[in-house]
Amino acid sequence: MRFFPPSRFISAKSAIATFSQGSSEPLYETWERFKALLRRCPNHNFDDAAQLHIFYSGLKPQTKMILDVSTRCTMMSKSLEEAIVIIDSIETNDYQSHHDRSLTQRKCIMELDTQSAILAQNK
């Protein structure tokens, strides 16, 4: 208890129970953040079905729709193992698409030092 006091346990368990996807957070970041919360509080006492329900309930409607379409029904009708396989698959694709997009955007940015920027404005 000295290294993991009750207040820290309650805080960690509450973070899991009230989990929600950030407003601009992609699925891969959401899934990784949820798994990290579970790892930080290994004695959370949420069974597998509850973990899936908490994760799914915390998602934005658009993300829920993507998961449901990929399962051809609803994510909540799948077993935990099936759901994790589906989420991991979509997460990998989501990560790659965001990663590729950010690389493309960086190519378009041109950095100038202050002197060059002033010269460009004057011309």
N, C-alpha and C. Protein backbone atom coordinates (compact mmCIF):
# COMPACT_ATOMS: atom_id res chain seq x y z
N MET A 1 0.81 -1.20 0.00
CA MET A 1 0.00 0.00 0.00
C MET A 1 0.85 1.26 0.00
N ARG A 2 2.06 1.14 0.52
CA ARG A 2 2.91 2.32 0.59
C ARG A 2 3.23 2.88 -0.79
N PHE A 3 3.45 1.98 -1.77
CA PHE A 3 3.82 2.41 -3.10
C PHE A 3 2.61 2.70 -3.99
N PHE A 4 1.46 2.20 -3.62
CA PHE A 4 0.24 2.41 -4.39
C PHE A 4 -0.89 2.70 -3.40
N PRO A 5 -0.93 3.92 -2.86
CA PRO A 5 -1.93 4.25 -1.83
C PRO A 5 -3.36 4.19 -2.38
N PRO A 6 -4.34 4.03 -1.50
CA PRO A 6 -5.75 3.94 -1.93
C PRO A 6 -6.19 5.12 -2.79
N SER A 7 -5.73 6.30 -2.49
CA SER A 7 -6.15 7.46 -3.29
C SER A 7 -5.67 7.34 -4.74
N ARG A 8 -4.48 6.81 -4.91
CA ARG A 8 -3.96 6.63 -6.27
C ARG A 8 -4.73 5.52 -6.99
N PHE A 9 -5.07 4.45 -6.27
CA PHE A 9 -5.86 3.36 -6.84
C PHE A 9 -7.23 3.86 -7.28
N ILE A 10 -7.88 4.63 -6.43
CA ILE A 10 -9.21 5.17 -6.75
C ILE A 10 -9.13 6.09 -7.96
N SER A 11 -8.11 6.91 -8.00
CA SER A 11 -7.93 7.83 -9.14
C SER A 11 -7.71 7.05 -10.44
N ALA A 12 -6.86 6.03 -10.39
CA ALA A 12 -6.57 5.23 -11.59
C ALA A 12 -7.81 4.46 -12.05
N LYS A 13 -8.55 3.90 -11.11
CA LYS A 13 -9.77 3.15 -11.45
C LYS A 13 -10.84 4.09 -12.01
N SER A 14 -10.92 5.28 -11.46
CA SER A 14 -11.88 6.27 -11.96
C SER A 14 -11.53 6.71 -13.38
N ALA A 15 -10.24 6.85 -13.67
CA ALA A 15 -9.81 7.23 -15.02
C ALA A 15 -10.24 6.17 -16.04
N ILE A 16 -10.21 4.90 -15.63
CA ILE A 16 -10.66 3.82 -16.51
C ILE A 16 -12.18 3.90 -16.68
N ALA A 17 -12.90 4.01 -15.58
CA ALA A 17 -14.36 3.99 -15.60
C ALA A 17 -14.96 5.16 -16.37
N THR A 18 -14.28 6.30 -16.37
CA THR A 18 -14.81 7.50 -17.04
C THR A 18 -14.08 7.79 -18.35
N PHE A 19 -13.45 6.78 -18.91
CA PHE A 19 -12.65 6.94 -20.12
C PHE A 19 -13.49 7.50 -21.27
N SER A 20 -12.90 8.43 -22.03
CA SER A 20 -13.56 8.91 -23.25
C SER A 20 -12.50 9.36 -24.26
N GLN A 21 -12.88 9.24 -25.51
CA GLN A 21 -12.01 9.63 -26.62
C GLN A 21 -11.93 11.15 -26.69
N GLY A 22 -10.72 11.66 -26.90
CA GLY A 22 -10.55 13.11 -27.04
C GLY A 22 -11.19 13.63 -28.31
N SER A 23 -11.47 14.91 -28.36
CA SER A 23 -12.20 15.48 -29.48
C SER A 23 -11.50 15.30 -30.82
N SER A 24 -10.18 15.39 -30.85
CA SER A 24 -9.48 15.21 -32.12
C SER A 24 -8.52 14.02 -32.05
N GLU A 25 -8.78 13.12 -31.12
CA GLU A 25 -7.89 11.97 -30.90
C GLU A 25 -8.25 10.83 -31.86
N PRO A 26 -7.29 10.38 -32.66
CA PRO A 26 -7.57 9.26 -33.57
C PRO A 26 -7.71 7.94 -32.79
N LEU A 27 -8.29 6.96 -33.43
CA LEU A 27 -8.56 5.67 -32.77
C LEU A 27 -7.29 5.04 -32.23
N TYR A 28 -6.19 5.09 -32.98
CA TYR A 28 -4.99 4.41 -32.50
C TYR A 28 -4.48 5.02 -31.20
N GLU A 29 -4.57 6.34 -31.05
CA GLU A 29 -4.15 6.98 -29.80
C GLU A 29 -5.13 6.66 -28.67
N THR A 30 -6.41 6.61 -28.99
CA THR A 30 -7.43 6.30 -27.99
C THR A 30 -7.24 4.90 -27.44
N TRP A 31 -7.03 3.94 -28.32
CA TRP A 31 -6.85 2.54 -27.93
C TRP A 31 -5.58 2.37 -27.09
N GLU A 32 -4.49 3.00 -27.52
CA GLU A 32 -3.23 2.91 -26.77
C GLU A 32 -3.37 3.55 -25.39
N ARG A 33 -4.06 4.67 -25.31
CA ARG A 33 -4.25 5.36 -24.02
C ARG A 33 -5.10 4.51 -23.09
N PHE A 34 -6.14 3.85 -23.62
CA PHE A 34 -6.99 2.99 -22.79
C PHE A 34 -6.18 1.80 -22.25
N LYS A 35 -5.40 1.17 -23.11
CA LYS A 35 -4.58 0.04 -22.66
C LYS A 35 -3.56 0.48 -21.61
N ALA A 36 -3.02 1.68 -21.76
CA ALA A 36 -2.06 2.21 -20.77
C ALA A 36 -2.74 2.42 -19.42
N LEU A 37 -3.98 2.90 -19.44
CA LEU A 37 -4.72 3.07 -18.17
C LEU A 37 -4.91 1.73 -17.48
N LEU A 38 -5.23 0.70 -18.24
CA LEU A 38 -5.42 -0.64 -17.66
C LEU A 38 -4.11 -1.17 -17.07
N ARG A 39 -2.99 -0.91 -17.78
CA ARG A 39 -1.70 -1.37 -17.28
C ARG A 39 -1.28 -0.64 -15.99
N ARG A 40 -1.64 0.64 -15.88
CA ARG A 40 -1.26 1.42 -14.70
C ARG A 40 -2.02 0.99 -13.45
N CYS A 41 -3.14 0.31 -13.66
CA CYS A 41 -3.95 -0.12 -12.51
C CYS A 41 -4.33 -1.59 -12.73
N PRO A 42 -3.36 -2.50 -12.53
CA PRO A 42 -3.61 -3.91 -12.84
C PRO A 42 -4.70 -4.57 -11.98
N ASN A 43 -5.00 -4.02 -10.82
CA ASN A 43 -6.04 -4.59 -9.95
C ASN A 43 -7.34 -3.81 -10.05
N HIS A 44 -7.68 -3.37 -11.24
CA HIS A 44 -8.87 -2.54 -11.44
C HIS A 44 -10.17 -3.30 -11.24
N ASN A 45 -10.15 -4.61 -11.35
CA ASN A 45 -11.32 -5.48 -11.15
C ASN A 45 -12.41 -5.31 -12.19
N PHE A 46 -12.09 -4.78 -13.36
CA PHE A 46 -13.05 -4.74 -14.46
C PHE A 46 -12.83 -6.01 -15.28
N ASP A 47 -13.88 -6.83 -15.44
CA ASP A 47 -13.71 -8.03 -16.26
C ASP A 47 -13.62 -7.63 -17.73
N ASP A 48 -13.34 -8.61 -18.57
CA ASP A 48 -13.11 -8.33 -19.99
C ASP A 48 -14.29 -7.65 -20.66
N ALA A 49 -15.51 -8.12 -20.35
CA ALA A 49 -16.70 -7.52 -20.95
C ALA A 49 -16.86 -6.07 -20.51
N ALA A 50 -16.59 -5.80 -19.25
CA ALA A 50 -16.70 -4.42 -18.74
C ALA A 50 -15.66 -3.53 -19.39
N GLN A 51 -14.44 -4.03 -19.59
CA GLN A 51 -13.40 -3.25 -20.25
C GLN A 51 -13.82 -2.86 -21.67
N LEU A 52 -14.36 -3.82 -22.41
CA LEU A 52 -14.81 -3.54 -23.77
C LEU A 52 -15.94 -2.52 -23.75
N HIS A 53 -16.87 -2.68 -22.82
CA HIS A 53 -18.00 -1.75 -22.71
C HIS A 53 -17.53 -0.34 -22.38
N ILE A 54 -16.60 -0.22 -21.44
CA ILE A 54 -16.07 1.10 -21.06
C ILE A 54 -15.39 1.76 -22.25
N PHE A 55 -14.55 0.99 -22.96
CA PHE A 55 -13.85 1.55 -24.12
C PHE A 55 -14.84 2.00 -25.19
N TYR A 56 -15.74 1.11 -25.54
CA TYR A 56 -16.70 1.41 -26.61
C TYR A 56 -17.60 2.58 -26.24
N SER A 57 -18.05 2.62 -25.00
CA SER A 57 -18.94 3.70 -24.56
C SER A 57 -18.24 5.05 -24.56
N GLY A 58 -16.93 5.05 -24.39
CA GLY A 58 -16.18 6.30 -24.36
C GLY A 58 -15.80 6.84 -25.73
N LEU A 59 -16.12 6.11 -26.78
CA LEU A 59 -15.76 6.55 -28.13
C LEU A 59 -16.73 7.59 -28.68
N LYS A 60 -16.24 8.40 -29.59
CA LYS A 60 -17.09 9.35 -30.30
C LYS A 60 -18.02 8.56 -31.22
N PRO A 61 -19.20 9.09 -31.52
CA PRO A 61 -20.16 8.36 -32.38
C PRO A 61 -19.56 7.94 -33.73
N GLN A 62 -18.76 8.79 -34.32
CA GLN A 62 -18.16 8.46 -35.63
C GLN A 62 -17.23 7.25 -35.51
N THR A 63 -16.46 7.18 -34.44
CA THR A 63 -15.56 6.05 -34.24
C THR A 63 -16.35 4.78 -33.96
N LYS A 64 -17.42 4.89 -33.18
CA LYS A 64 -18.28 3.72 -32.93
C LYS A 64 -18.85 3.19 -34.24
N MET A 65 -19.25 4.11 -35.12
CA MET A 65 -19.83 3.71 -36.40
C MET A 65 -18.79 2.94 -37.23
N ILE A 66 -17.56 3.40 -37.23
CA ILE A 66 -16.50 2.72 -37.98
C ILE A 66 -16.30 1.30 -37.44
N LEU A 67 -16.26 1.17 -36.13
CA LEU A 67 -16.11 -0.16 -35.53
C LEU A 67 -17.30 -1.06 -35.83
N ASP A 68 -18.51 -0.52 -35.73
CA ASP A 68 -19.70 -1.31 -35.99
C ASP A 68 -19.77 -1.77 -37.44
N VAL A 69 -19.43 -0.88 -38.35
CA VAL A 69 -19.45 -1.24 -39.78
C VAL A 69 -18.43 -2.35 -40.06
N SER A 70 -17.28 -2.25 -39.41
CA SER A 70 -16.24 -3.25 -39.65
C SER A 70 -16.61 -4.62 -39.08
N THR A 71 -17.51 -4.66 -38.12
CA THR A 71 -17.94 -5.94 -37.54
C THR A 71 -19.19 -6.49 -38.24
N ARG A 72 -19.79 -5.69 -39.09
CA ARG A 72 -21.02 -6.04 -39.81
C ARG A 72 -22.22 -6.19 -38.87
N CYS A 73 -22.10 -5.68 -37.68
CA CYS A 73 -23.21 -5.62 -36.71
C CYS A 73 -22.82 -4.58 -35.68
N THR A 74 -22.76 -4.93 -34.42
CA THR A 74 -22.27 -3.99 -33.42
C THR A 74 -21.06 -4.59 -32.71
N MET A 75 -20.16 -3.74 -32.32
CA MET A 75 -18.95 -4.20 -31.63
C MET A 75 -19.31 -4.95 -30.35
N MET A 76 -20.34 -4.52 -29.69
CA MET A 76 -20.71 -5.12 -28.41
C MET A 76 -21.26 -6.55 -28.55
N SER A 77 -21.58 -6.97 -29.77
CA SER A 77 -22.06 -8.34 -29.96
C SER A 77 -20.91 -9.32 -30.15
N LYS A 78 -19.70 -8.83 -30.24
CA LYS A 78 -18.53 -9.68 -30.44
C LYS A 78 -17.93 -10.10 -29.10
N SER A 79 -17.21 -11.22 -29.13
CA SER A 79 -16.48 -11.62 -27.92
C SER A 79 -15.31 -10.67 -27.74
N LEU A 80 -14.74 -10.67 -26.57
CA LEU A 80 -13.61 -9.78 -26.30
C LEU A 80 -12.46 -10.06 -27.28
N GLU A 81 -12.17 -11.32 -27.53
CA GLU A 81 -11.08 -11.68 -28.43
C GLU A 81 -11.34 -11.15 -29.84
N GLU A 82 -12.57 -11.35 -30.34
CA GLU A 82 -12.92 -10.86 -31.67
C GLU A 82 -12.84 -9.33 -31.72
N ALA A 83 -13.34 -8.69 -30.69
CA ALA A 83 -13.33 -7.22 -30.64
C ALA A 83 -11.91 -6.69 -30.64
N ILE A 84 -11.02 -7.31 -29.88
CA ILE A 84 -9.63 -6.85 -29.83
C ILE A 84 -8.95 -7.02 -31.18
N VAL A 85 -9.20 -8.13 -31.85
CA VAL A 85 -8.63 -8.35 -33.19
C VAL A 85 -9.10 -7.25 -34.14
N ILE A 86 -10.38 -6.93 -34.10
CA ILE A 86 -10.94 -5.90 -34.97
C ILE A 86 -10.36 -4.53 -34.63
N ILE A 87 -10.33 -4.19 -33.35
CA ILE A 87 -9.81 -2.88 -32.94
C ILE A 87 -8.34 -2.76 -33.30
N ASP A 88 -7.56 -3.81 -33.05
CA ASP A 88 -6.13 -3.77 -33.39
C ASP A 88 -5.91 -3.61 -34.89
N SER A 89 -6.74 -4.27 -35.68
CA SER A 89 -6.62 -4.16 -37.14
C SER A 89 -6.94 -2.74 -37.61
N ILE A 90 -8.03 -2.20 -37.12
CA ILE A 90 -8.42 -0.84 -37.50
C ILE A 90 -7.41 0.17 -36.96
N GLU A 91 -6.93 -0.07 -35.75
CA GLU A 91 -5.94 0.82 -35.13
C GLU A 91 -4.68 0.90 -35.99
N THR A 92 -4.22 -0.23 -36.49
CA THR A 92 -3.02 -0.25 -37.33
C THR A 92 -3.23 0.57 -38.59
N ASN A 93 -4.36 0.39 -39.23
CA ASN A 93 -4.66 1.17 -40.44
C ASN A 93 -4.82 2.65 -40.11
N ASP A 94 -5.46 2.96 -39.00
CA ASP A 94 -5.66 4.35 -38.58
C ASP A 94 -4.31 5.01 -38.30
N TYR A 95 -3.42 4.29 -37.62
CA TYR A 95 -2.09 4.82 -37.32
C TYR A 95 -1.34 5.13 -38.61
N GLN A 96 -1.37 4.18 -39.56
CA GLN A 96 -0.65 4.38 -40.81
C GLN A 96 -1.21 5.55 -41.61
N SER A 97 -2.52 5.69 -41.63
CA SER A 97 -3.10 6.79 -42.40
C SER A 97 -2.78 8.14 -41.77
N HIS A 98 -2.79 8.24 -40.44
CA HIS A 98 -2.41 9.49 -39.78
C HIS A 98 -0.93 9.77 -39.92
N HIS A 99 -0.12 8.73 -39.84
CA HIS A 99 1.32 8.89 -39.95
C HIS A 99 1.69 9.33 -41.37
N ASP A 100 1.09 8.70 -42.38
CA ASP A 100 1.36 9.09 -43.77
C ASP A 100 0.89 10.51 -44.04
N ARG A 101 -0.25 10.89 -43.50
CA ARG A 101 -0.79 12.23 -43.70
C ARG A 101 0.12 13.29 -43.08
N SER A 102 0.66 13.01 -41.90
CA SER A 102 1.52 14.00 -41.24
C SER A 102 2.83 14.16 -41.99
N LEU A 103 3.33 13.09 -42.61
CA LEU A 103 4.55 13.22 -43.40
C LEU A 103 4.31 14.07 -44.63
N THR A 104 3.17 13.91 -45.26
CA THR A 104 2.82 14.68 -46.44
C THR A 104 2.69 16.15 -46.09
N GLN A 105 2.08 16.45 -44.96
CA GLN A 105 1.89 17.84 -44.57
C GLN A 105 3.22 18.52 -44.28
N ARG A 106 4.16 17.81 -43.72
CA ARG A 106 5.45 18.41 -43.39
C ARG A 106 6.21 18.81 -44.63
N LYS A 107 6.04 18.10 -45.75
CA LYS A 107 6.76 18.42 -46.97
C LYS A 107 6.36 19.78 -47.52
N CYS A 108 5.17 20.24 -47.20
CA CYS A 108 4.66 21.49 -47.73
C CYS A 108 5.08 22.70 -46.91
N ILE A 109 5.63 22.49 -45.75
CA ILE A 109 6.01 23.60 -44.87
C ILE A 109 7.41 24.06 -45.24
N MET A 110 7.53 25.35 -45.42
CA MET A 110 8.83 25.91 -45.74
C MET A 110 9.27 26.79 -44.58
N GLU A 111 10.41 26.48 -44.04
CA GLU A 111 10.89 27.24 -42.90
C GLU A 111 11.89 28.29 -43.38
N LEU A 112 11.69 29.50 -42.90
CA LEU A 112 12.58 30.60 -43.24
C LEU A 112 13.13 31.20 -41.96
N ASP A 113 14.37 31.66 -42.05
CA ASP A 113 14.87 32.40 -40.90
C ASP A 113 14.25 33.79 -40.95
N THR A 114 14.39 34.54 -39.89
CA THR A 114 13.74 35.86 -39.77
C THR A 114 14.14 36.81 -40.89
N GLN A 115 15.42 36.84 -41.20
CA GLN A 115 15.91 37.76 -42.24
C GLN A 115 15.32 37.41 -43.60
N SER A 116 15.28 36.14 -43.94
CA SER A 116 14.70 35.72 -45.23
C SER A 116 13.22 36.02 -45.28
N ALA A 117 12.52 35.86 -44.18
CA ALA A 117 11.08 36.15 -44.13
C ALA A 117 10.82 37.62 -44.37
N ILE A 118 11.63 38.48 -43.78
CA ILE A 118 11.46 39.94 -43.97
C ILE A 118 11.76 40.31 -45.41
N LEU A 119 12.81 39.74 -46.00
CA LEU A 119 13.14 40.02 -47.39
C LEU A 119 12.01 39.55 -48.32
N ALA A 120 11.44 38.40 -48.03
CA ALA A 120 10.34 37.89 -48.86
C ALA A 120 9.12 38.80 -48.76
N GLN A 121 8.83 39.33 -47.58
CA GLN A 121 7.68 40.24 -47.41
C GLN A 121 7.91 41.53 -48.18
N ASN A 122 9.13 42.04 -48.20
CA ASN A 122 9.44 43.30 -48.88
C ASN A 122 9.36 43.17 -50.38
N LYS A 123 9.63 41.99 -50.91
CA LYS A 123 9.56 41.79 -52.35
C LYS A 123 8.14 41.61 -52.74
